[in-house]
PDB file of N, CA and C in Angstrom:
ATOM      1  N   UNK A   1     111.547  56.333 102.643  1.00  0.00           N
ATOM      2  CA  UNK A   1     111.431  57.370 103.650  1.00  0.00           C
ATOM      3  C   UNK A   1     112.775  58.074 103.799  1.00  0.00           C
ATOM      4  N   UNK A   2     112.696  59.355 104.045  1.00  0.00           N
ATOM      5  CA  UNK A   2     113.877  60.175 104.274  1.00  0.00           C
ATOM      6  C   UNK A   2     113.719  60.877 105.611  1.00  0.00           C
ATOM      7  N   UNK A   3     114.824  60.987 106.347  1.00  0.00           N
ATOM      8  CA  UNK A   3     114.832  61.713 107.617  1.00  0.00           C
ATOM      9  C   UNK A   3     115.754  62.908 107.473  1.00  0.00           C
ATOM     10  N   UNK A   4     115.292  64.045 107.923  1.00  0.00           N
ATOM     11  CA  UNK A   4     116.102  65.259 107.886  1.00  0.00           C
ATOM     12  C   UNK A   4     115.894  66.011 109.200  1.00  0.00           C
ATOM     13  N   UNK A   5     116.960  66.648 109.680  1.00  0.00           N
ATOM     14  CA  UNK A   5     116.890  67.424 110.917  1.00  0.00           C
ATOM     15  C   UNK A   5     117.100  68.889 110.581  1.00  0.00           C
ATOM     16  N   UNK A   6     116.226  69.723 111.100  1.00  0.00           N
ATOM     17  CA  UNK A   6     116.286  71.163 110.880  1.00  0.00           C
ATOM     18  C   UNK A   6     116.681  71.862 112.168  1.00  0.00           C
ATOM     19  N   UNK A   7     117.562  72.836 112.058  1.00  0.00           N
ATOM     20  CA  UNK A   7     117.865  73.709 113.192  1.00  0.00           C
ATOM     21  C   UNK A   7     116.834  74.829 113.181  1.00  0.00           C
ATOM     22  N   UNK A   8     116.121  74.997 114.278  1.00  0.00           N
ATOM     23  CA  UNK A   8     115.088  76.021 114.391  1.00  0.00           C
ATOM     24  C   UNK A   8     115.623  77.222 115.155  1.00  0.00           C
ATOM     25  N   UNK A   9     114.897  78.328 115.061  1.00  0.00           N
ATOM     26  CA  UNK A   9     115.190  79.438 115.954  1.00  0.00           C
ATOM     27  C   UNK A   9     114.880  78.966 117.365  1.00  0.00           C
ATOM     28  N   UNK A  10     115.452  79.619 118.355  1.00  0.00           N
ATOM     29  CA  UNK A  10     115.256  79.191 119.742  1.00  0.00           C
ATOM     30  C   UNK A  10     113.769  79.126 120.086  1.00  0.00           C
ATOM     31  N   UNK A  11     113.361  77.982 120.584  1.00  0.00           N
ATOM     32  CA  UNK A  11     111.978  77.795 121.017  1.00  0.00           C
ATOM     33  C   UNK A  11     111.843  78.299 122.448  1.00  0.00           C
ATOM     34  N   UNK A  12     110.812  79.090 122.686  1.00  0.00           N
ATOM     35  CA  UNK A  12     110.646  79.694 124.007  1.00  0.00           C
ATOM     36  C   UNK A  12     109.466  79.145 124.788  1.00  0.00           C
ATOM     37  N   UNK A  13     108.571  78.418 124.115  1.00  0.00           N
ATOM     38  CA  UNK A  13     107.411  77.889 124.835  1.00  0.00           C
ATOM     39  C   UNK A  13     106.879  76.643 124.124  1.00  0.00           C
ATOM     40  N   UNK A  14     106.237  75.761 124.870  1.00  0.00           N
ATOM     41  CA  UNK A  14     105.680  74.542 124.275  1.00  0.00           C
ATOM     42  C   UNK A  14     104.613  74.809 123.214  1.00  0.00           C
ATOM     43  N   UNK A  15     103.904  75.923 123.314  1.00  0.00           N
ATOM     44  CA  UNK A  15     102.879  76.196 122.301  1.00  0.00           C
ATOM     45  C   UNK A  15     103.508  76.480 120.935  1.00  0.00           C
ATOM     46  N   UNK A  16     104.699  77.071 120.919  1.00  0.00           N
ATOM     47  CA  UNK A  16     105.418  77.278 119.648  1.00  0.00           C
ATOM     48  C   UNK A  16     105.757  75.926 119.024  1.00  0.00           C
ATOM     49  N   UNK A  17     106.220  75.020 119.849  1.00  0.00           N
ATOM     50  CA  UNK A  17     106.557  73.680 119.397  1.00  0.00           C
ATOM     51  C   UNK A  17     105.323  72.995 118.805  1.00  0.00           C
ATOM     52  N   UNK A  18     104.201  73.105 119.458  1.00  0.00           N
ATOM     53  CA  UNK A  18     102.981  72.459 118.984  1.00  0.00           C
ATOM     54  C   UNK A  18     102.500  73.061 117.664  1.00  0.00           C
ATOM     55  N   UNK A  19     102.662  74.374 117.493  1.00  0.00           N
ATOM     56  CA  UNK A  19     102.279  75.016 116.226  1.00  0.00           C
ATOM     57  C   UNK A  19     103.102  74.466 115.069  1.00  0.00           C
ATOM     58  N   UNK A  20     104.399  74.272 115.299  1.00  0.00           N
ATOM     59  CA  UNK A  20     105.266  73.708 114.259  1.00  0.00           C
ATOM     60  C   UNK A  20     104.800  72.297 113.913  1.00  0.00           C
ATOM     61  N   UNK A  21     104.574  71.487 114.926  1.00  0.00           N
ATOM     62  CA  UNK A  21     104.126  70.108 114.712  1.00  0.00           C
ATOM     63  C   UNK A  21     102.818  70.082 113.926  1.00  0.00           C
ATOM     64  N   UNK A  22     101.865  70.887 114.326  1.00  0.00           N
ATOM     65  CA  UNK A  22     100.564  70.919 113.651  1.00  0.00           C
ATOM     66  C   UNK A  22     100.693  71.328 112.190  1.00  0.00           C
ATOM     67  N   UNK A  23     101.503  72.353 111.909  1.00  0.00           N
ATOM     68  CA  UNK A  23     101.660  72.826 110.531  1.00  0.00           C
ATOM     69  C   UNK A  23     102.383  71.814 109.658  1.00  0.00           C
ATOM     70  N   UNK A  24     103.431  71.208 110.167  1.00  0.00           N
ATOM     71  CA  UNK A  24     104.175  70.224 109.380  1.00  0.00           C
ATOM     72  C   UNK A  24     103.308  68.996 109.114  1.00  0.00           C
ATOM     73  N   UNK A  25     102.544  68.572 110.091  1.00  0.00           N
ATOM     74  CA  UNK A  25     101.678  67.397 109.905  1.00  0.00           C
ATOM     75  C   UNK A  25     100.594  67.614 108.857  1.00  0.00           C
ATOM     76  N   UNK A  26     100.294  68.849 108.503  1.00  0.00           N
ATOM     77  CA  UNK A  26      99.310  69.129 107.453  1.00  0.00           C
ATOM     78  C   UNK A  26      99.863  68.876 106.056  1.00  0.00           C
ATOM     79  N   UNK A  27     101.180  68.776 105.914  1.00  0.00           N
ATOM     80  CA  UNK A  27     101.795  68.556 104.612  1.00  0.00           C
ATOM     81  C   UNK A  27     101.630  67.103 104.183  1.00  0.00           C
ATOM     82  N   UNK A  28     101.327  66.903 102.917  1.00  0.00           N
ATOM     83  CA  UNK A  28     101.209  65.561 102.363  1.00  0.00           C
ATOM     84  C   UNK A  28     102.584  64.911 102.321  1.00  0.00           C
ATOM     85  N   UNK A  29     102.666  63.696 102.807  1.00  0.00           N
ATOM     86  CA  UNK A  29     103.912  62.942 102.741  1.00  0.00           C
ATOM     87  C   UNK A  29     104.705  62.916 104.030  1.00  0.00           C
ATOM     88  N   UNK A  30     104.262  63.646 105.042  1.00  0.00           N
ATOM     89  CA  UNK A  30     104.964  63.650 106.327  1.00  0.00           C
ATOM     90  C   UNK A  30     104.601  62.384 107.085  1.00  0.00           C
ATOM     91  N   UNK A  31     105.601  61.645 107.495  1.00  0.00           N
ATOM     92  CA  UNK A  31     105.375  60.434 108.286  1.00  0.00           C
ATOM     93  C   UNK A  31     105.388  60.771 109.778  1.00  0.00           C
ATOM     94  N   UNK A  32     106.466  61.413 110.246  1.00  0.00           N
ATOM     95  CA  UNK A  32     106.552  61.818 111.653  1.00  0.00           C
ATOM     96  C   UNK A  32     107.360  63.102 111.774  1.00  0.00           C
ATOM     97  N   UNK A  33     107.117  63.824 112.852  1.00  0.00           N
ATOM     98  CA  UNK A  33     107.935  64.969 113.219  1.00  0.00           C
ATOM     99  C   UNK A  33     108.164  64.892 114.719  1.00  0.00           C
ATOM    100  N   UNK A  34     109.400  65.111 115.103  1.00  0.00           N
ATOM    101  CA  UNK A  34     109.748  65.137 116.525  1.00  0.00           C
ATOM    102  C   UNK A  34     110.532  66.416 116.774  1.00  0.00           C
ATOM    103  N   UNK A  35     110.098  67.180 117.753  1.00  0.00           N
ATOM    104  CA  UNK A  35     110.778  68.421 118.118  1.00  0.00           C
ATOM    105  C   UNK A  35     111.640  68.159 119.344  1.00  0.00           C
ATOM    106  N   UNK A  36     112.902  68.534 119.260  1.00  0.00           N
ATOM    107  CA  UNK A  36     113.807  68.490 120.408  1.00  0.00           C
ATOM    108  C   UNK A  36     113.826  69.893 120.989  1.00  0.00           C
ATOM    109  N   UNK A  37     112.937  70.140 121.938  1.00  0.00           N
ATOM    110  CA  UNK A  37     112.688  71.484 122.455  1.00  0.00           C
ATOM    111  C   UNK A  37     113.955  72.136 122.999  1.00  0.00           C
ATOM    112  N   UNK A  38     114.704  71.427 123.822  1.00  0.00           N
ATOM    113  CA  UNK A  38     115.891  72.007 124.455  1.00  0.00           C
ATOM    114  C   UNK A  38     117.018  72.299 123.473  1.00  0.00           C
ATOM    115  N   UNK A  39     116.998  71.646 122.311  1.00  0.00           N
ATOM    116  CA  UNK A  39     118.026  71.877 121.284  1.00  0.00           C
ATOM    117  C   UNK A  39     117.513  72.715 120.115  1.00  0.00           C
ATOM    118  N   UNK A  40     116.232  73.027 120.129  1.00  0.00           N
ATOM    119  CA  UNK A  40     115.591  73.781 119.041  1.00  0.00           C
ATOM    120  C   UNK A  40     115.828  73.121 117.684  1.00  0.00           C
ATOM    121  N   UNK A  41     115.551  71.827 117.633  1.00  0.00           N
ATOM    122  CA  UNK A  41     115.699  71.073 116.393  1.00  0.00           C
ATOM    123  C   UNK A  41     114.416  70.309 116.111  1.00  0.00           C
ATOM    124  N   UNK A  42     114.179  70.086 114.829  1.00  0.00           N
ATOM    125  CA  UNK A  42     113.038  69.287 114.396  1.00  0.00           C
ATOM    126  C   UNK A  42     113.552  68.154 113.523  1.00  0.00           C
ATOM    127  N   UNK A  43     113.141  66.947 113.823  1.00  0.00           N
ATOM    128  CA  UNK A  43     113.491  65.783 113.022  1.00  0.00           C
ATOM    129  C   UNK A  43     112.224  65.331 112.312  1.00  0.00           C
ATOM    130  N   UNK A  44     112.298  65.312 110.983  1.00  0.00           N
ATOM    131  CA  UNK A  44     111.125  65.004 110.171  1.00  0.00           C
ATOM    132  C   UNK A  44     111.418  63.780 109.305  1.00  0.00           C
ATOM    133  N   UNK A  45     110.490  62.847 109.314  1.00  0.00           N
ATOM    134  CA  UNK A  45     110.549  61.684 108.433  1.00  0.00           C
ATOM    135  C   UNK A  45     109.436  61.866 107.409  1.00  0.00           C
ATOM    136  N   UNK A  46     109.805  61.774 106.130  1.00  0.00           N
ATOM    137  CA  UNK A  46     108.821  62.021 105.081  1.00  0.00           C
ATOM    138  C   UNK A  46     109.047  61.108 103.893  1.00  0.00           C
ATOM    139  N   UNK A  47     108.008  60.978 103.083  1.00  0.00           N
ATOM    140  CA  UNK A  47     108.074  60.194 101.853  1.00  0.00           C
ATOM    141  C   UNK A  47     108.690  61.081 100.777  1.00  0.00           C
ATOM    142  N   UNK A  48     109.898  60.734 100.353  1.00  0.00           N
ATOM    143  CA  UNK A  48     110.606  61.600  99.413  1.00  0.00           C
ATOM    144  C   UNK A  48     109.984  61.627  98.027  1.00  0.00           C
ATOM    145  N   UNK A  49     109.066  60.728  97.729  1.00  0.00           N
ATOM    146  CA  UNK A  49     108.375  60.802  96.444  1.00  0.00           C
ATOM    147  C   UNK A  49     107.166  61.743  96.500  1.00  0.00           C
ATOM    148  N   UNK A  50     106.822  62.243  97.696  1.00  0.00           N
ATOM    149  CA  UNK A  50     105.688  63.158  97.834  1.00  0.00           C
ATOM    150  C   UNK A  50     106.103  64.568  98.236  1.00  0.00           C
ATOM    151  N   UNK A  51     107.286  64.712  98.813  1.00  0.00           N
ATOM    152  CA  UNK A  51     107.765  66.024  99.246  1.00  0.00           C
ATOM    153  C   UNK A  51     109.286  66.011  99.115  1.00  0.00           C
ATOM    154  N   UNK A  52     109.865  67.119  98.704  1.00  0.00           N
ATOM    155  CA  UNK A  52     111.303  67.134  98.448  1.00  0.00           C
ATOM    156  C   UNK A  52     112.063  67.888  99.532  1.00  0.00           C
ATOM    157  N   UNK A  53     113.347  67.547  99.682  1.00  0.00           N
ATOM    158  CA  UNK A  53     114.213  68.262 100.624  1.00  0.00           C
ATOM    159  C   UNK A  53     114.323  69.727 100.234  1.00  0.00           C
ATOM    160  N   UNK A  54     114.385  69.999  98.938  1.00  0.00           N
ATOM    161  CA  UNK A  54     114.523  71.377  98.471  1.00  0.00           C
ATOM    162  C   UNK A  54     113.344  72.225  98.933  1.00  0.00           C
ATOM    163  N   UNK A  55     112.150  71.712  98.839  1.00  0.00           N
ATOM    164  CA  UNK A  55     110.962  72.452  99.283  1.00  0.00           C
ATOM    165  C   UNK A  55     111.055  72.755 100.774  1.00  0.00           C
ATOM    166  N   UNK A  56     111.520  71.802 101.564  1.00  0.00           N
ATOM    167  CA  UNK A  56     111.605  71.956 103.007  1.00  0.00           C
ATOM    168  C   UNK A  56     112.707  72.899 103.452  1.00  0.00           C
ATOM    169  N   UNK A  57     113.755  73.032 102.680  1.00  0.00           N
ATOM    170  CA  UNK A  57     114.904  73.804 103.135  1.00  0.00           C
ATOM    171  C   UNK A  57     114.826  75.281 102.796  1.00  0.00           C
ATOM    172  N   UNK A  58     113.809  75.715 102.074  1.00  0.00           N
ATOM    173  CA  UNK A  58     113.734  77.131 101.716  1.00  0.00           C
ATOM    174  C   UNK A  58     113.057  77.957 102.769  1.00  0.00           C
TER     175      UNK A  58
END
């Protein structure tokens, strides 16, 4: 498992946060995603043999 934290654009509402969570959870290999709403960051744990950091960072 690999954990990576992404800096997001400023989140303005909880529904934006939920949309991100829902979309990321649809990807194969995602173990967990946690959004830090007040910091506009997303912490994602994923199986690195199913999804790569390069794909996520583009």
